[in-house]
N, C-alpha and C. Protein backbone atom coordinates (compact mmCIF):
# COMPACT_ATOMS: atom_id res chain seq x y z
N UNK A 1 76.88 100.19 104.23
CA UNK A 1 78.03 100.94 104.68
C UNK A 1 77.65 102.42 104.79
N UNK A 2 78.07 103.05 105.87
CA UNK A 2 77.82 104.46 106.09
C UNK A 2 79.16 105.19 106.08
N UNK A 3 79.23 106.25 105.27
CA UNK A 3 80.47 107.02 105.17
C UNK A 3 80.19 108.50 105.39
N UNK A 4 81.21 109.22 105.81
CA UNK A 4 81.15 110.67 105.88
C UNK A 4 81.19 111.17 104.44
N UNK A 5 80.32 112.12 104.08
CA UNK A 5 80.20 112.57 102.70
C UNK A 5 81.32 113.53 102.32
N UNK A 6 81.60 114.53 103.16
CA UNK A 6 82.56 115.58 102.77
C UNK A 6 83.30 116.12 103.99
N UNK A 7 84.26 116.99 103.72
CA UNK A 7 85.02 117.62 104.78
C UNK A 7 86.30 116.87 105.09
N UNK A 8 86.87 117.14 106.27
CA UNK A 8 88.17 116.57 106.64
C UNK A 8 88.14 115.06 106.77
N UNK A 9 86.98 114.49 107.07
CA UNK A 9 86.85 113.03 107.20
C UNK A 9 86.07 112.44 106.03
N UNK A 10 85.89 113.21 104.97
CA UNK A 10 85.12 112.74 103.81
C UNK A 10 85.60 111.40 103.30
N UNK A 11 84.66 110.48 103.07
CA UNK A 11 84.99 109.16 102.57
C UNK A 11 85.27 108.13 103.65
N UNK A 12 85.50 108.59 104.90
CA UNK A 12 85.79 107.65 105.99
C UNK A 12 84.51 106.91 106.39
N UNK A 13 84.65 105.66 106.75
CA UNK A 13 83.51 104.81 107.13
C UNK A 13 83.16 104.99 108.60
N UNK A 14 81.87 104.86 108.86
CA UNK A 14 81.37 104.87 110.23
C UNK A 14 80.90 103.48 110.61
N UNK A 15 81.20 103.09 111.83
CA UNK A 15 80.60 101.86 112.36
C UNK A 15 79.13 102.17 112.63
N UNK A 16 78.29 101.15 112.50
CA UNK A 16 76.86 101.30 112.71
C UNK A 16 76.44 100.29 113.78
N UNK A 17 75.60 100.70 114.73
CA UNK A 17 75.13 99.73 115.73
C UNK A 17 74.50 98.52 115.06
N UNK A 18 74.61 97.33 115.68
CA UNK A 18 74.13 96.11 115.04
C UNK A 18 72.64 96.10 114.74
N UNK A 19 71.82 96.78 115.54
CA UNK A 19 70.39 96.84 115.27
C UNK A 19 69.80 98.02 116.02
N UNK A 20 68.57 98.39 115.62
CA UNK A 20 67.85 99.42 116.35
C UNK A 20 68.06 100.84 115.85
N UNK A 21 68.90 101.03 114.84
CA UNK A 21 69.10 102.38 114.29
C UNK A 21 68.95 102.32 112.78
N UNK A 22 68.69 103.47 112.17
CA UNK A 22 68.65 103.58 110.72
C UNK A 22 69.41 104.84 110.35
N UNK A 23 70.71 104.70 110.07
CA UNK A 23 71.51 105.89 109.75
C UNK A 23 70.94 106.66 108.56
N UNK A 24 71.03 107.97 108.64
CA UNK A 24 70.59 108.83 107.55
C UNK A 24 71.41 108.49 106.32
N UNK A 25 70.75 108.26 105.21
CA UNK A 25 71.45 107.87 103.98
C UNK A 25 72.41 108.97 103.52
N UNK A 26 73.42 108.55 102.77
CA UNK A 26 74.39 109.52 102.24
C UNK A 26 73.69 110.56 101.36
N UNK A 27 72.74 110.13 100.57
CA UNK A 27 72.03 111.04 99.67
C UNK A 27 71.30 112.12 100.47
N UNK A 28 70.62 111.71 101.54
CA UNK A 28 69.90 112.68 102.37
C UNK A 28 70.88 113.58 103.10
N UNK A 29 71.96 113.01 103.66
CA UNK A 29 72.95 113.85 104.37
C UNK A 29 73.60 114.86 103.43
N UNK A 30 73.92 114.44 102.22
CA UNK A 30 74.54 115.36 101.26
C UNK A 30 73.60 116.52 100.96
N UNK A 31 72.34 116.24 100.70
CA UNK A 31 71.36 117.30 100.43
C UNK A 31 71.13 118.16 101.67
N UNK A 32 71.01 117.53 102.81
CA UNK A 32 70.76 118.24 104.06
C UNK A 32 71.90 119.22 104.35
N UNK A 33 73.13 118.76 104.24
CA UNK A 33 74.28 119.63 104.55
C UNK A 33 74.49 120.70 103.49
N UNK A 34 74.15 120.43 102.27
CA UNK A 34 74.23 121.46 101.24
C UNK A 34 73.29 122.62 101.59
N UNK A 35 72.08 122.28 102.00
CA UNK A 35 71.13 123.31 102.43
C UNK A 35 71.56 123.98 103.73
N UNK A 36 72.01 123.17 104.68
CA UNK A 36 72.41 123.71 105.99
C UNK A 36 73.53 124.74 105.85
N UNK A 37 74.52 124.43 105.01
CA UNK A 37 75.65 125.34 104.87
C UNK A 37 75.28 126.63 104.15
N UNK A 38 74.11 126.67 103.50
CA UNK A 38 73.65 127.92 102.91
C UNK A 38 72.95 128.80 103.95
N UNK A 39 72.61 128.22 105.11
CA UNK A 39 71.91 128.96 106.17
C UNK A 39 72.83 129.30 107.34
N UNK A 40 73.70 128.35 107.70
CA UNK A 40 74.53 128.47 108.89
C UNK A 40 75.99 128.24 108.54
N UNK A 41 76.87 129.02 109.14
CA UNK A 41 78.30 128.78 109.01
C UNK A 41 78.66 127.71 110.03
N UNK A 42 79.02 126.53 109.57
CA UNK A 42 79.34 125.44 110.48
C UNK A 42 80.68 125.61 111.17
N UNK A 43 81.50 126.51 110.70
CA UNK A 43 82.83 126.70 111.27
C UNK A 43 82.71 127.08 112.75
N UNK A 44 83.11 126.16 113.62
CA UNK A 44 83.06 126.39 115.06
C UNK A 44 81.70 126.18 115.69
N UNK A 45 80.69 125.76 114.92
CA UNK A 45 79.33 125.60 115.44
C UNK A 45 79.27 124.54 116.55
N UNK A 46 78.34 124.75 117.46
CA UNK A 46 78.05 123.80 118.53
C UNK A 46 76.83 122.99 118.10
N UNK A 47 77.03 121.68 117.94
CA UNK A 47 76.03 120.81 117.35
C UNK A 47 75.51 119.81 118.39
N UNK A 48 74.21 119.58 118.36
CA UNK A 48 73.58 118.56 119.19
C UNK A 48 72.95 117.53 118.26
N UNK A 49 73.31 116.27 118.44
CA UNK A 49 72.76 115.17 117.65
C UNK A 49 71.94 114.30 118.60
N UNK A 50 70.61 114.56 118.64
CA UNK A 50 69.70 113.78 119.49
C UNK A 50 69.33 112.49 118.78
N UNK A 51 69.14 111.43 119.54
CA UNK A 51 68.83 110.11 118.97
C UNK A 51 69.95 109.76 117.99
N UNK A 52 71.18 109.85 118.42
CA UNK A 52 72.35 109.87 117.53
C UNK A 52 72.61 108.59 116.75
N UNK A 53 72.31 107.42 117.30
CA UNK A 53 72.62 106.18 116.57
C UNK A 53 74.10 106.06 116.29
N UNK A 54 74.48 105.99 115.02
CA UNK A 54 75.90 105.90 114.64
C UNK A 54 76.59 107.25 114.71
N UNK A 55 75.81 108.33 114.80
CA UNK A 55 76.38 109.67 114.84
C UNK A 55 76.64 110.27 113.48
N UNK A 56 76.05 109.69 112.43
CA UNK A 56 76.34 110.15 111.07
C UNK A 56 76.13 111.65 110.89
N UNK A 57 75.06 112.20 111.46
CA UNK A 57 74.79 113.64 111.28
C UNK A 57 75.81 114.49 112.04
N UNK A 58 76.05 114.17 113.29
CA UNK A 58 77.01 114.94 114.08
C UNK A 58 78.43 114.83 113.55
N UNK A 59 78.85 113.62 113.15
CA UNK A 59 80.20 113.46 112.61
C UNK A 59 80.34 114.17 111.27
N UNK A 60 79.29 114.18 110.48
CA UNK A 60 79.32 114.93 109.21
C UNK A 60 79.53 116.41 109.50
N UNK A 61 78.84 116.93 110.52
CA UNK A 61 79.00 118.34 110.90
C UNK A 61 80.43 118.62 111.36
N UNK A 62 80.99 117.73 112.18
CA UNK A 62 82.38 117.92 112.63
C UNK A 62 83.34 117.89 111.45
N UNK A 63 83.13 116.97 110.52
CA UNK A 63 83.98 116.86 109.34
C UNK A 63 83.95 118.15 108.53
N UNK A 64 82.82 118.85 108.57
CA UNK A 64 82.64 120.08 107.80
C UNK A 64 82.96 121.34 108.61
N UNK A 65 83.56 121.18 109.78
CA UNK A 65 84.06 122.34 110.50
C UNK A 65 83.39 122.70 111.80
N UNK A 66 82.37 121.96 112.23
CA UNK A 66 81.75 122.28 113.52
C UNK A 66 82.79 122.18 114.63
N UNK A 67 82.63 123.02 115.64
CA UNK A 67 83.61 123.07 116.72
C UNK A 67 83.43 121.98 117.76
N UNK A 68 82.20 121.57 118.01
CA UNK A 68 81.93 120.55 119.01
C UNK A 68 80.59 119.90 118.69
N UNK A 69 80.51 118.60 118.96
CA UNK A 69 79.24 117.88 118.79
C UNK A 69 78.93 117.09 120.05
N UNK A 70 77.70 117.21 120.49
CA UNK A 70 77.19 116.42 121.60
C UNK A 70 76.24 115.39 121.01
N UNK A 71 76.49 114.13 121.31
CA UNK A 71 75.69 113.02 120.82
C UNK A 71 74.87 112.46 121.98
N UNK A 72 73.56 112.33 121.79
CA UNK A 72 72.68 111.79 122.82
C UNK A 72 72.07 110.51 122.28
N UNK A 73 72.30 109.43 123.01
CA UNK A 73 71.84 108.11 122.56
C UNK A 73 71.50 107.26 123.79
N UNK A 74 70.31 106.69 123.80
CA UNK A 74 69.87 105.90 124.95
C UNK A 74 70.34 104.45 124.92
N UNK A 75 70.60 103.90 123.74
CA UNK A 75 71.01 102.51 123.62
C UNK A 75 72.50 102.36 123.93
N UNK A 76 72.82 101.49 124.89
CA UNK A 76 74.20 101.31 125.32
C UNK A 76 75.12 100.90 124.17
N UNK A 77 74.68 99.94 123.35
CA UNK A 77 75.53 99.49 122.23
C UNK A 77 75.78 100.61 121.24
N UNK A 78 74.74 101.39 120.96
CA UNK A 78 74.92 102.51 120.04
C UNK A 78 75.87 103.55 120.64
N UNK A 79 75.76 103.81 121.94
CA UNK A 79 76.68 104.77 122.60
C UNK A 79 78.13 104.28 122.50
N UNK A 80 78.33 102.98 122.62
CA UNK A 80 79.68 102.42 122.47
C UNK A 80 80.18 102.60 121.03
N UNK A 81 79.30 102.44 120.05
CA UNK A 81 79.66 102.64 118.65
C UNK A 81 80.02 104.12 118.43
N UNK A 82 79.27 105.03 119.04
CA UNK A 82 79.59 106.46 118.94
C UNK A 82 81.01 106.73 119.46
N UNK A 83 81.33 106.16 120.62
CA UNK A 83 82.68 106.33 121.19
C UNK A 83 83.74 105.82 120.21
N UNK A 84 83.49 104.64 119.64
CA UNK A 84 84.44 104.04 118.70
C UNK A 84 84.58 104.90 117.45
N UNK A 85 83.48 105.44 116.93
CA UNK A 85 83.54 106.29 115.74
C UNK A 85 84.32 107.57 116.03
N UNK A 86 84.08 108.19 117.17
CA UNK A 86 84.80 109.42 117.53
C UNK A 86 86.30 109.14 117.60
N UNK A 87 86.66 108.03 118.24
CA UNK A 87 88.07 107.65 118.37
C UNK A 87 88.69 107.37 117.00
N UNK A 88 87.98 106.57 116.19
CA UNK A 88 88.48 106.18 114.86
C UNK A 88 88.67 107.38 113.94
N UNK A 89 87.74 108.34 114.02
CA UNK A 89 87.81 109.52 113.17
C UNK A 89 88.75 110.59 113.72
N UNK A 90 89.17 110.43 114.97
CA UNK A 90 90.07 111.39 115.58
C UNK A 90 89.38 112.67 116.04
N UNK A 91 88.07 112.59 116.32
CA UNK A 91 87.32 113.75 116.79
C UNK A 91 87.27 113.73 118.31
N UNK A 92 88.13 114.54 118.94
CA UNK A 92 88.13 114.65 120.39
C UNK A 92 87.13 115.69 120.88
N UNK A 93 86.61 116.47 119.95
CA UNK A 93 85.69 117.56 120.29
C UNK A 93 84.24 117.07 120.33
N UNK A 94 84.05 115.97 121.10
CA UNK A 94 82.73 115.36 121.20
C UNK A 94 82.37 115.11 122.66
N UNK A 95 81.09 115.10 122.92
CA UNK A 95 80.55 114.65 124.20
C UNK A 95 79.50 113.61 123.85
N UNK A 96 79.55 112.48 124.54
CA UNK A 96 78.56 111.43 124.29
C UNK A 96 77.76 111.23 125.57
N UNK A 97 76.47 111.50 125.49
CA UNK A 97 75.57 111.37 126.63
C UNK A 97 74.72 110.12 126.44
N UNK A 98 74.94 109.14 127.30
CA UNK A 98 74.18 107.89 127.23
C UNK A 98 72.92 108.05 128.08
N UNK A 99 71.90 108.61 127.45
CA UNK A 99 70.59 108.79 128.10
C UNK A 99 69.55 109.08 127.04
N UNK A 100 68.30 109.14 127.45
CA UNK A 100 67.24 109.44 126.49
C UNK A 100 67.30 110.92 126.11
N UNK A 101 66.75 111.22 124.97
CA UNK A 101 66.70 112.63 124.53
C UNK A 101 65.89 113.45 125.53
N UNK A 102 64.77 112.92 126.03
CA UNK A 102 63.94 113.65 126.99
C UNK A 102 64.72 113.94 128.27
N UNK A 103 65.48 112.97 128.77
CA UNK A 103 66.28 113.19 129.98
C UNK A 103 67.37 114.21 129.72
N UNK A 104 67.98 114.16 128.56
CA UNK A 104 69.05 115.10 128.24
C UNK A 104 68.53 116.54 128.20
N UNK A 105 67.44 116.77 127.49
CA UNK A 105 66.96 118.15 127.35
C UNK A 105 66.38 118.69 128.65
N UNK A 106 66.01 117.80 129.57
CA UNK A 106 65.50 118.24 130.87
C UNK A 106 66.64 118.68 131.80
N UNK A 107 67.87 118.31 131.48
CA UNK A 107 69.02 118.62 132.32
C UNK A 107 69.67 119.94 131.96
N UNK A 108 70.73 120.24 132.68
CA UNK A 108 71.52 121.44 132.42
C UNK A 108 72.42 121.20 131.21
N UNK A 109 72.83 122.27 130.59
CA UNK A 109 73.73 122.11 129.46
C UNK A 109 73.98 123.41 128.74
N UNK A 110 74.81 123.33 127.74
CA UNK A 110 75.21 124.50 126.99
C UNK A 110 74.23 124.89 125.92
N UNK A 111 74.69 125.81 125.10
CA UNK A 111 73.89 126.37 124.02
C UNK A 111 74.31 125.71 122.71
N UNK A 112 73.36 125.59 121.77
CA UNK A 112 73.64 124.94 120.49
C UNK A 112 73.25 125.82 119.31
N UNK A 113 74.04 125.69 118.24
CA UNK A 113 73.79 126.42 116.99
C UNK A 113 72.99 125.58 116.00
N UNK A 114 73.20 124.26 116.05
CA UNK A 114 72.53 123.33 115.15
C UNK A 114 72.09 122.13 115.97
N UNK A 115 70.83 121.73 115.81
CA UNK A 115 70.30 120.55 116.49
C UNK A 115 69.72 119.61 115.44
N UNK A 116 70.18 118.36 115.49
CA UNK A 116 69.61 117.30 114.66
C UNK A 116 68.79 116.40 115.56
N UNK A 117 67.57 116.10 115.15
CA UNK A 117 66.73 115.15 115.88
C UNK A 117 66.22 114.13 114.88
N UNK A 118 66.71 112.92 115.00
CA UNK A 118 66.32 111.83 114.10
C UNK A 118 65.78 110.69 114.96
N UNK A 119 64.58 110.89 115.54
CA UNK A 119 64.07 109.88 116.46
C UNK A 119 63.66 108.60 115.75
N UNK A 120 63.63 107.50 116.51
CA UNK A 120 63.07 106.28 115.93
C UNK A 120 61.66 106.55 115.46
N UNK A 121 61.24 105.86 114.43
CA UNK A 121 59.90 106.08 113.89
C UNK A 121 58.82 105.85 114.94
N UNK A 122 59.10 105.03 115.95
CA UNK A 122 58.11 104.73 116.99
C UNK A 122 57.88 105.91 117.94
N UNK A 123 58.78 106.90 117.95
CA UNK A 123 58.59 108.06 118.82
C UNK A 123 57.41 108.88 118.30
N UNK A 124 56.43 109.08 119.16
CA UNK A 124 55.21 109.77 118.76
C UNK A 124 55.37 111.27 118.68
N UNK A 125 54.37 111.91 118.09
CA UNK A 125 54.37 113.36 117.91
C UNK A 125 54.49 114.11 119.24
N UNK A 126 53.75 113.68 120.26
CA UNK A 126 53.77 114.36 121.54
C UNK A 126 55.12 114.26 122.22
N UNK A 127 55.71 113.08 122.17
CA UNK A 127 57.03 112.88 122.77
C UNK A 127 58.08 113.75 122.07
N UNK A 128 58.05 113.78 120.75
CA UNK A 128 58.99 114.60 120.01
C UNK A 128 58.77 116.09 120.31
N UNK A 129 57.51 116.52 120.36
CA UNK A 129 57.20 117.92 120.67
C UNK A 129 57.76 118.31 122.04
N UNK A 130 57.66 117.39 123.00
CA UNK A 130 58.19 117.66 124.35
C UNK A 130 59.71 117.82 124.31
N UNK A 131 60.39 116.98 123.56
CA UNK A 131 61.85 117.08 123.44
C UNK A 131 62.23 118.40 122.76
N UNK A 132 61.53 118.78 121.71
CA UNK A 132 61.84 120.04 121.02
C UNK A 132 61.58 121.24 121.93
N UNK A 133 60.49 121.21 122.72
CA UNK A 133 60.24 122.29 123.69
C UNK A 133 61.35 122.33 124.74
N UNK A 134 61.83 121.15 125.14
CA UNK A 134 62.88 121.07 126.15
C UNK A 134 64.20 121.65 125.69
N UNK A 135 64.50 121.52 124.42
CA UNK A 135 65.79 122.03 123.92
C UNK A 135 65.71 123.51 123.57
N UNK A 136 64.52 124.05 123.36
CA UNK A 136 64.35 125.44 122.91
C UNK A 136 65.12 126.46 123.76
N UNK A 137 65.13 126.36 125.10
CA UNK A 137 65.86 127.36 125.89
C UNK A 137 67.38 127.32 125.69
N UNK A 138 67.88 126.25 125.09
CA UNK A 138 69.33 126.11 124.91
C UNK A 138 69.76 126.37 123.47
N UNK A 139 68.90 127.03 122.71
CA UNK A 139 69.23 127.34 121.32
C UNK A 139 69.85 128.73 121.22
N UNK A 140 70.93 128.83 120.47
CA UNK A 140 71.57 130.12 120.21
C UNK A 140 70.67 130.95 119.30
N UNK A 141 70.93 132.24 119.25
CA UNK A 141 70.20 133.11 118.31
C UNK A 141 70.40 132.55 116.90
N UNK A 142 69.34 132.46 116.14
CA UNK A 142 69.37 131.96 114.76
C UNK A 142 69.72 130.47 114.64
N UNK A 143 69.66 129.73 115.74
CA UNK A 143 69.94 128.29 115.68
C UNK A 143 68.98 127.61 114.72
N UNK A 144 69.45 126.51 114.14
CA UNK A 144 68.66 125.72 113.21
C UNK A 144 68.40 124.35 113.83
N UNK A 145 67.13 123.92 113.73
CA UNK A 145 66.74 122.57 114.16
C UNK A 145 66.35 121.79 112.92
N UNK A 146 66.85 120.58 112.82
CA UNK A 146 66.53 119.72 111.69
C UNK A 146 65.98 118.41 112.25
N UNK A 147 64.76 118.09 111.85
CA UNK A 147 64.10 116.88 112.33
C UNK A 147 63.89 115.95 111.15
N UNK A 148 64.34 114.72 111.31
CA UNK A 148 64.17 113.69 110.27
C UNK A 148 63.14 112.69 110.79
N UNK A 149 62.13 112.42 109.98
CA UNK A 149 61.06 111.51 110.36
C UNK A 149 60.61 110.70 109.16
N UNK A 150 59.74 109.75 109.42
CA UNK A 150 59.09 109.04 108.32
C UNK A 150 58.19 110.03 107.60
N UNK A 151 58.12 109.96 106.31
CA UNK A 151 57.29 110.88 105.52
C UNK A 151 55.84 110.91 106.00
N UNK A 152 55.33 109.77 106.43
CA UNK A 152 53.93 109.69 106.86
C UNK A 152 53.68 110.38 108.20
N UNK A 153 54.73 110.73 108.95
CA UNK A 153 54.57 111.31 110.29
C UNK A 153 54.11 112.76 110.27
N UNK A 154 54.46 113.51 109.27
CA UNK A 154 54.09 114.92 109.22
C UNK A 154 55.07 115.80 109.97
N UNK A 155 54.91 117.09 109.77
CA UNK A 155 55.82 118.08 110.36
C UNK A 155 55.69 118.08 111.88
N UNK A 156 56.82 118.21 112.58
CA UNK A 156 56.75 118.23 114.04
C UNK A 156 56.09 119.52 114.55
N UNK A 157 55.62 119.48 115.78
CA UNK A 157 55.09 120.67 116.44
C UNK A 157 56.28 121.45 116.98
N UNK A 158 56.59 122.56 116.32
CA UNK A 158 57.76 123.36 116.72
C UNK A 158 57.45 124.14 118.00
N UNK A 159 58.46 124.35 118.86
CA UNK A 159 58.25 125.22 120.02
C UNK A 159 57.96 126.64 119.53
N UNK A 160 57.33 127.47 120.35
CA UNK A 160 56.94 128.82 119.90
C UNK A 160 58.14 129.68 119.52
N UNK A 161 59.33 129.38 120.03
CA UNK A 161 60.53 130.15 119.69
C UNK A 161 61.07 129.82 118.30
N UNK A 162 60.52 128.80 117.68
CA UNK A 162 61.05 128.28 116.41
C UNK A 162 60.00 128.41 115.32
N UNK A 163 60.44 128.88 114.16
CA UNK A 163 59.54 128.95 113.01
C UNK A 163 59.94 127.91 111.98
N UNK A 164 58.97 127.37 111.30
CA UNK A 164 59.21 126.38 110.26
C UNK A 164 59.86 127.06 109.06
N UNK A 165 60.92 126.45 108.54
CA UNK A 165 61.61 127.00 107.36
C UNK A 165 61.24 126.27 106.08
N UNK A 166 61.33 124.93 106.14
CA UNK A 166 61.08 124.14 104.93
C UNK A 166 60.92 122.68 105.29
N UNK A 167 60.44 121.94 104.33
CA UNK A 167 60.31 120.49 104.46
C UNK A 167 60.70 119.88 103.12
N UNK A 168 61.34 118.74 103.17
CA UNK A 168 61.76 118.07 101.94
C UNK A 168 61.62 116.57 102.14
N UNK A 169 61.05 115.90 101.14
CA UNK A 169 60.88 114.45 101.19
C UNK A 169 61.93 113.76 100.34
N UNK A 170 62.41 112.64 100.87
CA UNK A 170 63.35 111.77 100.17
C UNK A 170 62.81 110.35 100.30
N UNK A 171 61.90 109.96 99.45
CA UNK A 171 61.28 108.64 99.56
C UNK A 171 60.48 108.53 100.84
N UNK A 172 60.82 107.56 101.69
CA UNK A 172 60.12 107.34 102.96
C UNK A 172 60.57 108.28 104.07
N UNK A 173 61.57 109.12 103.79
CA UNK A 173 62.13 110.02 104.78
C UNK A 173 61.73 111.46 104.48
N UNK A 174 61.40 112.19 105.52
CA UNK A 174 61.13 113.62 105.37
C UNK A 174 62.05 114.38 106.33
N UNK A 175 62.55 115.51 105.87
CA UNK A 175 63.41 116.36 106.69
C UNK A 175 62.71 117.70 106.85
N UNK A 176 62.55 118.10 108.11
CA UNK A 176 61.87 119.34 108.46
C UNK A 176 62.87 120.29 109.09
N UNK A 177 62.82 121.54 108.68
CA UNK A 177 63.75 122.57 109.12
C UNK A 177 63.01 123.62 109.94
N UNK A 178 63.59 124.00 111.05
CA UNK A 178 63.08 125.11 111.83
C UNK A 178 64.23 125.99 112.25
N UNK A 179 63.95 127.25 112.52
CA UNK A 179 64.99 128.19 112.94
C UNK A 179 64.43 129.08 114.04
N UNK A 180 65.30 129.42 114.99
CA UNK A 180 64.89 130.32 116.07
C UNK A 180 64.41 131.61 115.45
N UNK A 181 63.24 132.07 115.90
CA UNK A 181 62.66 133.31 115.39
C UNK A 181 63.57 134.48 115.72
N UNK A 182 63.77 135.34 114.75
CA UNK A 182 64.63 136.51 114.98
C UNK A 182 63.94 137.54 115.88
N UNK A 183 62.62 137.46 116.02
CA UNK A 183 61.91 138.39 116.88
C UNK A 183 61.72 137.87 118.30
N UNK A 184 62.27 136.72 118.59
CA UNK A 184 62.04 136.22 119.94
C UNK A 184 62.87 135.08 120.25
């Protein structure tokens, strides 16, 4: 069972796609958001949830005050689950893009304050680096990027506009933090 940890929807359950996704655990989300809220004011933030799956990260951000979340998911069934979760939670401030992360970042779009990228473990380093480079021009000043990967994968290759902030391991999961450089 996957639930929202805190905020206006705290304790509410999320539907999870039947297969092909691995929602971020409550323990990791709780730690991640505790750290995130010490860096960024989520109130009104524009959030991008790449490789969204059930949308646990984006919905957690909305529950904690984000102004809008865009969910990008290539799997049709997962995109349908995202729609159902948004409806069930009463979050109308969402956009759901049914396409690959690479296709999404190559297109036109708005600016983001927080980006979550939780790719399937099968996504390679080069593919992830390309997606992160693609989103870099759409990052707000001081935007934060959070990448969740298998611990064995190592830190992602950040775009030149982004500096590494920290890394934290939670068993088989590692969370990597980057932030737009203040000098560029």
